[in-house]
Amino acid sequence: MAEKLSAVKGMNDILPASVPRTEKLPDSALWQWFEGAVRTVLGRYGYQYLLTPIVEPTALFVRGLGEVTDIVEKEMYSFTDSMNGDRLTLRPEATAGIVRAMIEHNALYNGPLRVWTLGPMFRHERPQKGRYRQFHQLDVEALGFAGPDVDAEMILMARALWRELGLLEGTHVRLEINSLGQPVERRAHRDALVAHFEQHADQLDDDARRRLHSNPLRILDSKNPAMQPLIEQAPRLMDFLGAESRAHFDAVRAALDAVGLQYRVNPRLVRGMDYYNLTVFEWVTDQLGSQGTVCGGGRYDGLIAQLGGKPAPAVGFGLGIERLLLLVQELGLPVPSSAPDAYAVVPPGTPLAPVVAALEALRSAGLRVVQHAGGADGPGSMKSQFKKADASGARHALIFGPDELAAGEVTVKSLRDREGAQQRRPLADVSAWAGSLRA
């Protein structure tokens, strides 16, 4: 017997709910429900779907994310293409690839664009609950828009998605916002940070020492408890913002206030990539332990020029799908059923032609109908078929017995009430009664 192979550690299969699994992961029906909600909400805001490759030139991420970031230093799946020597990387995030596509195809020639994508990302880190080496992300970007109105739109669009999924802002998820200002303001703040941490060099951990002169802003994002008192005493970026940066942030806040969205201004909120400026935000939860961020984003006005394009502003957010669906599961939120509307029970010896014709008519009417499929020895007993019909979650069984077919009918039996009510329906006009089977 050949050796059994398993998936790569930290890279998971998304399976139907009926397939047992050893780890609590979202099933494929939950996944499709989420994707449907995304398409509905983003469509309301006028965002268009696009796809980019999962493999990009390594230089794209080194230039876009910054060499001194955890992603570039420790987490990227990079390799040399043995066919031509190109240095390639499995994408660790989506924004850089989208910006590369906009530049390559001159996509902003006719004006700004609102786009979104959804797919797998890759980071080599220790797998844990809600955090995997292949994870899936929803990424939403508005390119070419400079105003605070689109910053607020991003945040409110995320809120609309929470509501579509049954999550309550302020209860299940809450919003934190900050402003990173402009590069010149960050440089002044950076100098003050370096001076502050140099004065307390003996209290810095290894990561902080390594980042002190290359990326001191990332020290503020340290999760090391021993570092927190020193971080709390550090200079605050908000104190270095000029009038324009403050006005931009105030306008974002005013828009959120106008619709009654509660938030917390978190002066220590930074993002993991170097390209952010002005507004940054995170939606966080207390329901998932240490993995509290479910959505994060902000403005990155310099990235398009940094990657070789004509300077243009941009803002966006990313959302980890596994983590969000884990939150939905933890909260036990109601999720629409993926069960079929009906399950066809076909006694042995039944001619298939009228059965297939009736089921196709029901499917054409928009119903989800499963036809029982037998093995080499036939369809199996009626008892075994009814067990499978019940296990499928269908609301109704369609019984194509010889008496029914002789009369040009099918028996519709309820599987979800105690009485198991049933009645015959004519096969000649399936569309007339198809709607009564809808779950």
Protein backbone atom coordinates (compact mmCIF):
# COMPACT_ATOMS: atom_id res chain seq x y z
CA MET A 1 0.00 0.00 0.00
CA ALA A 2 1.31 3.46 -0.91
CA GLU A 3 2.24 5.81 1.92
CA LYS A 4 -0.61 8.12 2.96
CA LEU A 5 0.16 11.79 2.36
CA SER A 6 -1.06 14.67 4.48
CA ALA A 7 -1.46 18.39 3.89
CA VAL A 8 1.43 20.72 4.72
CA LYS A 9 1.42 21.75 8.38
CA GLY A 10 -0.67 24.89 8.87
CA MET A 11 -2.43 24.52 5.51
CA ASN A 12 -5.95 23.20 5.83
CA ASP A 13 -8.67 21.64 3.71
CA ILE A 14 -12.05 23.40 3.72
CA LEU A 15 -14.48 20.47 3.83
CA PRO A 16 -18.27 20.00 3.70
CA ALA A 17 -19.97 19.94 7.09
CA SER A 18 -20.76 16.24 6.68
CA VAL A 19 -17.05 15.31 6.67
CA PRO A 20 -15.60 14.73 10.18
CA ARG A 21 -12.55 16.75 11.11
CA THR A 22 -10.09 16.79 14.00
CA GLU A 23 -9.80 20.57 14.26
CA LYS A 24 -12.50 23.21 14.56
CA LEU A 25 -12.40 24.84 11.14
CA PRO A 26 -15.09 26.54 9.05
CA ASP A 27 -16.87 24.17 6.70
CA SER A 28 -17.41 24.93 3.04
CA ALA A 29 -21.06 25.95 3.52
CA LEU A 30 -20.03 28.56 6.12
CA TRP A 31 -17.36 29.72 3.70
CA GLN A 32 -19.86 30.14 0.84
CA TRP A 33 -22.26 31.98 3.13
CA PHE A 34 -19.48 34.44 4.01
CA GLU A 35 -18.54 34.94 0.36
CA GLY A 36 -22.17 35.63 -0.48
CA ALA A 37 -22.36 38.27 2.24
CA VAL A 38 -19.15 39.89 0.94
CA ARG A 39 -20.48 40.10 -2.62
CA THR A 40 -23.75 41.58 -1.38
CA VAL A 41 -22.19 44.26 0.83
CA LEU A 42 -19.34 45.31 -1.45
CA GLY A 43 -21.74 45.45 -4.37
CA ARG A 44 -23.82 48.01 -2.48
CA TYR A 45 -20.76 50.26 -2.22
CA GLY A 46 -19.75 49.91 -5.88
CA TYR A 47 -16.61 47.81 -5.43
CA GLN A 48 -15.50 45.59 -8.33
CA TYR A 49 -13.95 42.12 -8.08
CA LEU A 50 -10.45 41.34 -9.35
CA LEU A 51 -7.93 38.50 -9.06
CA THR A 52 -4.13 38.64 -8.93
CA PRO A 53 -1.58 35.77 -8.98
CA ILE A 54 -0.62 34.06 -5.74
CA VAL A 55 3.04 34.11 -6.85
CA GLU A 56 4.77 37.47 -7.31
CA PRO A 57 8.38 38.70 -7.67
CA THR A 58 10.06 38.70 -4.26
CA ALA A 59 11.18 42.29 -4.84
CA LEU A 60 7.55 43.42 -4.83
CA PHE A 61 7.13 42.56 -1.16
CA VAL A 62 10.62 43.63 -0.08
CA ARG A 63 10.05 47.04 -1.65
CA GLY A 64 6.39 47.32 -0.66
CA LEU A 65 6.39 45.96 2.88
CA GLY A 66 9.86 47.07 3.94
CA GLU A 67 12.92 44.93 4.56
CA VAL A 68 12.73 45.32 8.34
CA THR A 69 9.33 43.75 8.92
CA ASP A 70 8.49 40.39 10.44
CA ILE A 71 6.82 39.31 7.20
CA VAL A 72 9.87 39.92 5.01
CA GLU A 73 12.46 38.87 7.59
CA LYS A 74 10.82 35.71 8.93
CA GLU A 75 7.57 34.67 7.28
CA MET A 76 7.69 34.79 3.47
CA TYR A 77 7.69 31.61 1.40
CA SER A 78 10.36 32.63 -1.13
CA PHE A 79 12.19 30.47 -3.65
CA THR A 80 14.25 30.57 -6.82
CA ASP A 81 12.51 29.40 -9.98
CA SER A 82 14.74 26.56 -11.17
CA MET A 83 13.68 27.16 -14.78
CA ASN A 84 14.96 30.72 -15.09
CA GLY A 85 16.47 31.82 -11.78
CA ASP A 86 13.71 34.32 -10.91
CA ARG A 87 13.25 35.08 -7.22
CA LEU A 88 9.57 34.47 -6.42
CA THR A 89 7.36 34.57 -3.32
CA LEU A 90 3.97 33.16 -2.40
CA ARG A 91 2.03 36.31 -1.58
CA PRO A 92 1.93 37.05 2.19
CA GLU A 93 -0.70 39.78 1.71
CA ALA A 94 -2.78 41.17 -1.14
CA THR A 95 -2.28 44.94 -1.28
CA ALA A 96 1.14 44.96 -2.93
CA GLY A 97 -0.06 42.62 -5.69
CA ILE A 98 -3.12 44.75 -6.36
CA VAL A 99 -1.00 47.89 -6.59
CA ARG A 100 1.42 46.09 -8.94
CA ALA A 101 -1.54 45.17 -11.15
CA MET A 102 -2.85 48.75 -11.17
CA ILE A 103 0.57 50.05 -12.26
CA GLU A 104 1.23 47.33 -14.83
CA HIS A 105 -2.14 47.76 -16.55
CA ASN A 106 -2.37 51.55 -16.12
CA ALA A 107 -5.69 50.83 -14.41
CA LEU A 108 -6.11 54.33 -12.97
CA TYR A 109 -5.81 56.05 -16.37
CA ASN A 110 -9.57 56.69 -16.51
CA GLY A 111 -9.89 57.64 -12.87
CA PRO A 112 -9.98 56.11 -9.38
CA LEU A 113 -11.04 52.52 -8.77
CA ARG A 114 -12.77 50.62 -5.98
CA VAL A 115 -11.77 46.94 -6.03
CA TRP A 116 -11.73 43.82 -3.87
CA THR A 117 -10.29 40.34 -3.96
CA LEU A 118 -10.47 37.18 -1.91
CA GLY A 119 -8.06 34.27 -1.78
CA PRO A 120 -5.15 32.44 -0.12
CA MET A 121 -2.10 34.14 1.44
CA PHE A 122 1.00 32.44 2.83
CA ARG A 123 3.17 33.13 5.88
CA HIS A 124 5.58 30.71 7.52
CA GLU A 125 4.75 31.11 11.19
CA ARG A 126 3.76 28.85 14.04
CA PRO A 127 0.23 27.59 13.32
CA GLN A 128 -2.31 28.24 16.05
CA LYS A 129 -6.04 28.71 16.48
CA GLY A 130 -7.24 31.13 13.80
CA ARG A 131 -3.71 31.64 12.44
CA TYR A 132 -2.38 29.39 9.70
CA ARG A 133 0.46 29.19 7.17
CA GLN A 134 -2.01 29.24 4.32
CA PHE A 135 -4.80 31.56 5.33
CA HIS A 136 -7.48 33.31 3.33
CA GLN A 137 -8.06 37.00 3.22
CA LEU A 138 -10.64 39.45 1.98
CA ASP A 139 -8.84 42.53 0.69
CA VAL A 140 -10.65 45.77 -0.22
CA GLU A 141 -8.91 48.75 -1.84
CA ALA A 142 -9.93 52.22 -3.03
CA LEU A 143 -7.21 53.60 -5.31
CA GLY A 144 -6.93 57.20 -6.44
CA PHE A 145 -9.10 58.67 -3.66
CA ALA A 146 -7.43 61.20 -1.33
CA GLY A 147 -10.27 62.37 0.88
CA PRO A 148 -11.23 61.32 4.42
CA ASP A 149 -14.70 60.39 3.12
CA VAL A 150 -13.32 57.18 1.56
CA ASP A 151 -11.41 56.37 4.76
CA ALA A 152 -14.74 56.52 6.58
CA GLU A 153 -16.40 54.53 3.78
CA MET A 154 -13.92 51.69 4.34
CA ILE A 155 -14.71 51.55 8.04
CA LEU A 156 -18.47 51.75 7.50
CA MET A 157 -18.32 49.09 4.80
CA ALA A 158 -16.71 46.74 7.31
CA ARG A 159 -19.51 47.58 9.74
CA ALA A 160 -22.08 46.77 7.07
CA LEU A 161 -20.41 43.38 6.58
CA TRP A 162 -20.56 42.68 10.33
CA ARG A 163 -24.28 43.43 10.31
CA GLU A 164 -24.84 41.21 7.26
CA LEU A 165 -23.14 38.36 9.16
CA GLY A 166 -25.04 38.99 12.41
CA LEU A 167 -22.11 40.51 14.32
CA LEU A 168 -22.81 43.51 16.53
CA GLU A 169 -20.36 46.39 16.58
CA GLY A 170 -19.47 47.38 20.11
CA THR A 171 -20.47 43.92 21.41
CA HIS A 172 -18.86 41.26 19.23
CA VAL A 173 -16.34 43.58 17.52
CA ARG A 174 -15.22 47.10 18.30
CA LEU A 175 -13.39 49.76 16.33
CA GLU A 176 -10.03 51.37 17.13
CA ILE A 177 -8.59 54.19 15.00
CA ASN A 178 -5.47 56.32 14.85
CA SER A 179 -3.55 58.60 12.51
CA LEU A 180 0.05 57.93 11.45
CA GLY A 181 0.34 61.37 9.89
CA GLN A 182 2.66 62.02 6.96
CA PRO A 183 6.26 60.84 6.46
CA VAL A 184 7.85 64.08 7.61
CA GLU A 185 5.79 63.97 10.81
CA ARG A 186 6.65 60.34 11.36
CA ARG A 187 10.35 61.10 10.92
CA ALA A 188 10.21 63.67 13.70
CA HIS A 189 8.32 61.21 15.86
CA ARG A 190 10.82 58.48 14.91
CA ASP A 191 13.74 60.58 16.10
CA ALA A 192 11.96 61.19 19.40
CA LEU A 193 11.22 57.46 19.75
CA VAL A 194 14.83 56.49 19.13
CA ALA A 195 16.01 58.99 21.71
CA HIS A 196 13.46 57.69 24.24
CA PHE A 197 14.33 54.02 23.79
CA GLU A 198 18.09 54.74 23.73
CA GLN A 199 17.73 56.28 27.17
CA HIS A 200 16.26 52.95 28.39
CA ALA A 201 18.34 50.56 26.30
CA ASP A 202 18.77 48.18 29.22
CA GLN A 203 14.97 47.54 29.23
CA LEU A 204 14.69 46.63 25.55
CA ASP A 205 14.11 43.04 24.47
CA ASP A 206 15.95 41.49 21.53
CA ASP A 207 13.29 42.48 18.95
CA ALA A 208 13.26 46.07 20.18
CA ARG A 209 17.05 46.34 20.02
CA ARG A 210 17.03 44.98 16.49
CA ARG A 211 14.36 47.46 15.39
CA LEU A 212 15.57 50.49 17.31
CA HIS A 213 17.33 52.20 14.41
CA SER A 214 15.64 50.47 11.48
CA ASN A 215 11.92 50.57 12.38
CA PRO A 216 11.33 51.94 15.92
CA LEU A 217 7.59 52.45 15.28
CA ARG A 218 7.18 48.65 15.33
CA ILE A 219 8.45 48.60 18.93
CA LEU A 220 5.13 50.22 19.89
CA ASP A 221 3.35 47.11 18.58
CA SER A 222 5.32 44.78 20.88
CA LYS A 223 3.23 42.19 22.74
CA ASN A 224 5.96 41.64 25.36
CA PRO A 225 4.38 42.51 28.76
CA ALA A 226 7.73 43.61 30.15
CA MET A 227 7.95 46.27 27.44
CA GLN A 228 4.56 47.84 28.06
CA PRO A 229 5.49 50.41 30.79
CA LEU A 230 8.32 51.71 28.60
CA ILE A 231 6.05 51.86 25.56
CA GLU A 232 3.41 53.77 27.52
CA GLN A 233 6.01 56.44 28.36
CA ALA A 234 7.12 56.81 24.73
CA PRO A 235 6.38 59.97 22.71
CA ARG A 236 3.00 59.87 20.96
CA LEU A 237 2.78 60.38 17.23
CA MET A 238 -0.43 62.41 17.62
CA ASP A 239 1.64 65.16 19.26
CA PHE A 240 3.74 65.48 16.09
CA LEU A 241 0.89 65.80 13.57
CA GLY A 242 0.55 68.99 11.57
CA ALA A 243 -2.68 70.87 10.83
CA GLU A 244 -3.50 69.00 7.60
CA SER A 245 -3.06 65.56 9.15
CA ARG A 246 -5.18 66.54 12.12
CA ALA A 247 -7.90 67.95 9.85
CA HIS A 248 -7.97 64.70 7.84
CA PHE A 249 -8.33 62.63 11.01
CA ASP A 250 -10.97 64.96 12.43
CA ALA A 251 -13.00 64.64 9.20
CA VAL A 252 -12.90 60.83 9.42
CA ARG A 253 -14.08 61.00 13.03
CA ALA A 254 -16.85 63.43 12.12
CA ALA A 255 -18.16 61.03 9.47
CA LEU A 256 -18.18 58.13 11.94
CA ASP A 257 -19.84 60.30 14.58
CA ALA A 258 -22.54 61.31 12.08
CA VAL A 259 -23.75 57.71 11.79
CA GLY A 260 -23.37 56.92 15.48
CA LEU A 261 -20.46 54.49 15.14
CA GLN A 262 -18.58 54.22 18.41
CA TYR A 263 -14.79 53.89 18.34
CA ARG A 264 -11.69 54.33 20.47
CA VAL A 265 -8.76 56.50 19.42
CA ASN A 266 -5.76 54.28 20.15
CA PRO A 267 -2.54 56.35 19.89
CA ARG A 268 -0.47 53.13 19.95
CA LEU A 269 -2.24 51.59 16.97
CA VAL A 270 0.19 50.98 14.12
CA ARG A 271 0.09 48.63 11.15
CA GLY A 272 2.58 45.90 10.34
CA MET A 273 3.59 47.27 6.92
CA ASP A 274 5.77 50.33 6.26
CA TYR A 275 3.52 51.86 3.61
CA TYR A 276 0.69 53.24 5.80
CA ASN A 277 0.07 56.95 6.45
CA LEU A 278 -2.74 59.06 7.94
CA THR A 279 -5.79 56.97 8.94
CA VAL A 280 -5.27 53.46 10.31
CA PHE A 281 -7.91 51.30 11.93
CA GLU A 282 -8.60 47.87 13.38
CA TRP A 283 -11.76 45.97 14.25
CA VAL A 284 -10.96 43.83 17.30
CA THR A 285 -12.74 41.27 19.47
CA ASP A 286 -12.37 39.82 22.96
CA GLN A 287 -13.85 36.48 21.91
CA LEU A 288 -10.75 34.84 20.37
CA GLY A 289 -8.09 35.16 23.06
CA SER A 290 -4.82 36.67 21.90
CA GLN A 291 -5.92 36.66 18.25
CA GLY A 292 -8.04 39.76 18.74
CA THR A 293 -7.76 41.61 15.42
CA VAL A 294 -10.30 40.48 12.82
CA CYS A 295 -9.87 43.33 10.33
CA GLY A 296 -7.26 46.03 9.84
CA GLY A 297 -6.39 48.68 7.31
CA GLY A 298 -5.76 52.30 6.55
CA ARG A 299 -4.37 54.80 4.07
CA TYR A 300 -1.18 54.19 2.05
CA ASP A 301 -0.74 57.20 -0.23
CA GLY A 302 2.93 56.58 -1.02
CA LEU A 303 2.85 52.91 -2.03
CA ILE A 304 1.88 53.31 -5.69
CA ALA A 305 4.84 55.62 -6.33
CA GLN A 306 7.07 53.42 -4.17
CA LEU A 307 6.32 50.48 -6.50
CA GLY A 308 7.05 52.46 -9.65
CA GLY A 309 3.69 53.97 -10.55
CA LYS A 310 2.50 57.53 -10.99
CA PRO A 311 1.84 58.92 -7.48
CA ALA A 312 -1.74 58.33 -6.38
CA PRO A 313 -3.47 58.04 -2.99
CA ALA A 314 -5.06 54.82 -1.76
CA VAL A 315 -6.80 53.27 1.25
CA GLY A 316 -7.92 49.74 2.05
CA PHE A 317 -8.35 46.94 4.56
CA GLY A 318 -7.68 43.24 4.94
CA LEU A 319 -9.73 40.66 6.81
CA GLY A 320 -8.64 37.16 7.84
CA ILE A 321 -11.49 34.84 6.82
CA GLU A 322 -10.62 31.86 9.04
CA ARG A 323 -10.41 34.08 12.09
CA LEU A 324 -13.68 35.84 11.33
CA LEU A 325 -15.56 32.58 10.72
CA LEU A 326 -14.07 31.17 13.92
CA LEU A 327 -15.62 34.17 15.70
CA VAL A 328 -18.98 33.41 14.07
CA GLN A 329 -18.71 29.82 15.30
CA GLU A 330 -17.62 30.80 18.81
CA LEU A 331 -20.60 33.13 19.13
CA GLY A 332 -23.02 30.53 17.75
CA LEU A 333 -24.53 33.03 15.33
CA PRO A 334 -27.37 31.77 13.12
CA VAL A 335 -26.11 30.74 9.70
CA PRO A 336 -28.42 29.96 6.76
CA SER A 337 -28.78 26.23 6.19
CA SER A 338 -26.95 24.62 3.31
CA ALA A 339 -29.21 21.56 3.41
CA PRO A 340 -31.13 20.62 0.26
CA ASP A 341 -34.80 21.49 -0.05
CA ALA A 342 -35.67 17.92 -0.99
CA TYR A 343 -34.17 14.43 -1.25
CA ALA A 344 -35.44 12.02 -3.88
CA VAL A 345 -36.16 8.48 -2.65
CA VAL A 346 -36.20 6.04 -5.57
CA PRO A 347 -37.42 2.44 -4.89
CA PRO A 348 -35.50 -0.40 -6.58
CA GLY A 349 -36.67 -1.04 -10.13
CA THR A 350 -38.06 2.45 -10.65
CA PRO A 351 -37.58 3.79 -14.21
CA LEU A 352 -35.21 6.77 -14.02
CA ALA A 353 -36.57 8.87 -16.92
CA PRO A 354 -39.60 10.40 -15.10
CA VAL A 355 -37.53 10.85 -11.91
CA VAL A 356 -34.74 12.72 -13.67
CA ALA A 357 -37.23 14.87 -15.60
CA ALA A 358 -39.07 15.87 -12.41
CA LEU A 359 -35.89 16.67 -10.48
CA GLU A 360 -34.51 18.78 -13.30
CA ALA A 361 -37.77 20.73 -13.41
CA LEU A 362 -37.50 21.37 -9.65
CA ARG A 363 -33.89 22.50 -9.98
CA SER A 364 -34.84 24.81 -12.86
CA ALA A 365 -37.38 26.34 -10.46
CA GLY A 366 -34.50 27.21 -8.12
CA LEU A 367 -34.71 24.34 -5.62
CA ARG A 368 -31.82 22.35 -4.22
CA VAL A 369 -32.65 18.68 -4.78
CA VAL A 370 -30.46 15.62 -4.14
CA GLN A 371 -31.17 12.40 -5.99
CA HIS A 372 -30.36 9.23 -4.10
CA ALA A 373 -27.53 7.38 -5.84
CA GLY A 374 -27.17 3.68 -5.31
CA GLY A 375 -24.22 1.35 -5.63
CA ALA A 376 -23.44 -1.50 -7.98
CA ASP A 377 -26.20 -3.57 -6.36
CA GLY A 378 -28.90 -0.95 -6.89
CA PRO A 379 -30.31 1.99 -4.91
CA GLY A 380 -30.70 0.13 -1.62
CA SER A 381 -33.73 -0.37 0.57
CA MET A 382 -36.34 2.30 1.22
CA LYS A 383 -35.30 2.31 4.89
CA SER A 384 -31.66 3.06 4.07
CA GLN A 385 -32.69 5.76 1.61
CA PHE A 386 -34.90 7.48 4.20
CA LYS A 387 -31.99 7.43 6.65
CA LYS A 388 -29.83 9.23 4.12
CA ALA A 389 -32.64 11.64 3.31
CA ASP A 390 -32.96 12.53 7.00
CA ALA A 391 -29.18 12.83 7.44
CA SER A 392 -28.98 15.23 4.49
CA GLY A 393 -30.99 17.81 6.43
CA ALA A 394 -33.57 18.11 3.65
CA ARG A 395 -37.02 19.36 4.65
CA HIS A 396 -38.82 16.99 2.32
CA ALA A 397 -38.48 13.55 0.78
CA LEU A 398 -39.77 12.99 -2.73
CA ILE A 399 -40.98 9.40 -3.09
CA PHE A 400 -41.13 8.07 -6.65
CA GLY A 401 -42.95 4.80 -5.95
CA PRO A 402 -44.64 2.65 -8.63
CA ASP A 403 -48.15 3.73 -7.55
CA GLU A 404 -47.16 7.40 -7.75
CA LEU A 405 -45.54 7.09 -11.15
CA ALA A 406 -48.48 5.11 -12.52
CA ALA A 407 -50.69 8.06 -11.55
CA GLY A 408 -48.20 10.64 -12.90
CA GLU A 409 -47.47 11.89 -9.37
CA VAL A 410 -44.82 12.01 -6.65
CA THR A 411 -45.35 11.81 -2.89
CA VAL A 412 -43.92 14.76 -0.94
CA LYS A 413 -43.21 13.76 2.67
CA SER A 414 -42.15 16.23 5.37
CA LEU A 415 -39.00 15.15 7.21
CA ARG A 416 -38.97 17.95 9.77
CA ASP A 417 -42.31 17.69 11.56
CA ARG A 418 -43.35 14.94 13.96
CA GLU A 419 -46.37 13.88 11.97
CA GLY A 420 -44.38 13.43 8.76
CA ALA A 421 -47.23 14.89 6.73
CA GLN A 422 -47.31 13.87 3.10
CA GLN A 423 -49.29 14.56 -0.03
CA ARG A 424 -49.16 13.72 -3.70
CA ARG A 425 -48.20 16.25 -6.33
CA PRO A 426 -48.62 16.06 -10.16
CA LEU A 427 -45.49 15.56 -12.24
CA ALA A 428 -47.10 17.29 -15.21
CA ASP A 429 -46.88 20.75 -13.59
CA VAL A 430 -43.93 20.73 -11.19
CA SER A 431 -43.52 24.53 -11.27
CA ALA A 432 -46.98 24.99 -9.71
CA TRP A 433 -45.95 23.41 -6.39
CA ALA A 434 -42.13 23.74 -6.40
CA GLY A 435 -42.22 26.85 -4.22
CA SER A 436 -43.85 24.96 -1.35
CA LEU A 437 -40.66 22.89 -0.93
CA ARG A 438 -38.36 25.84 -0.47
CA ALA A 439 -36.50 25.78 2.83
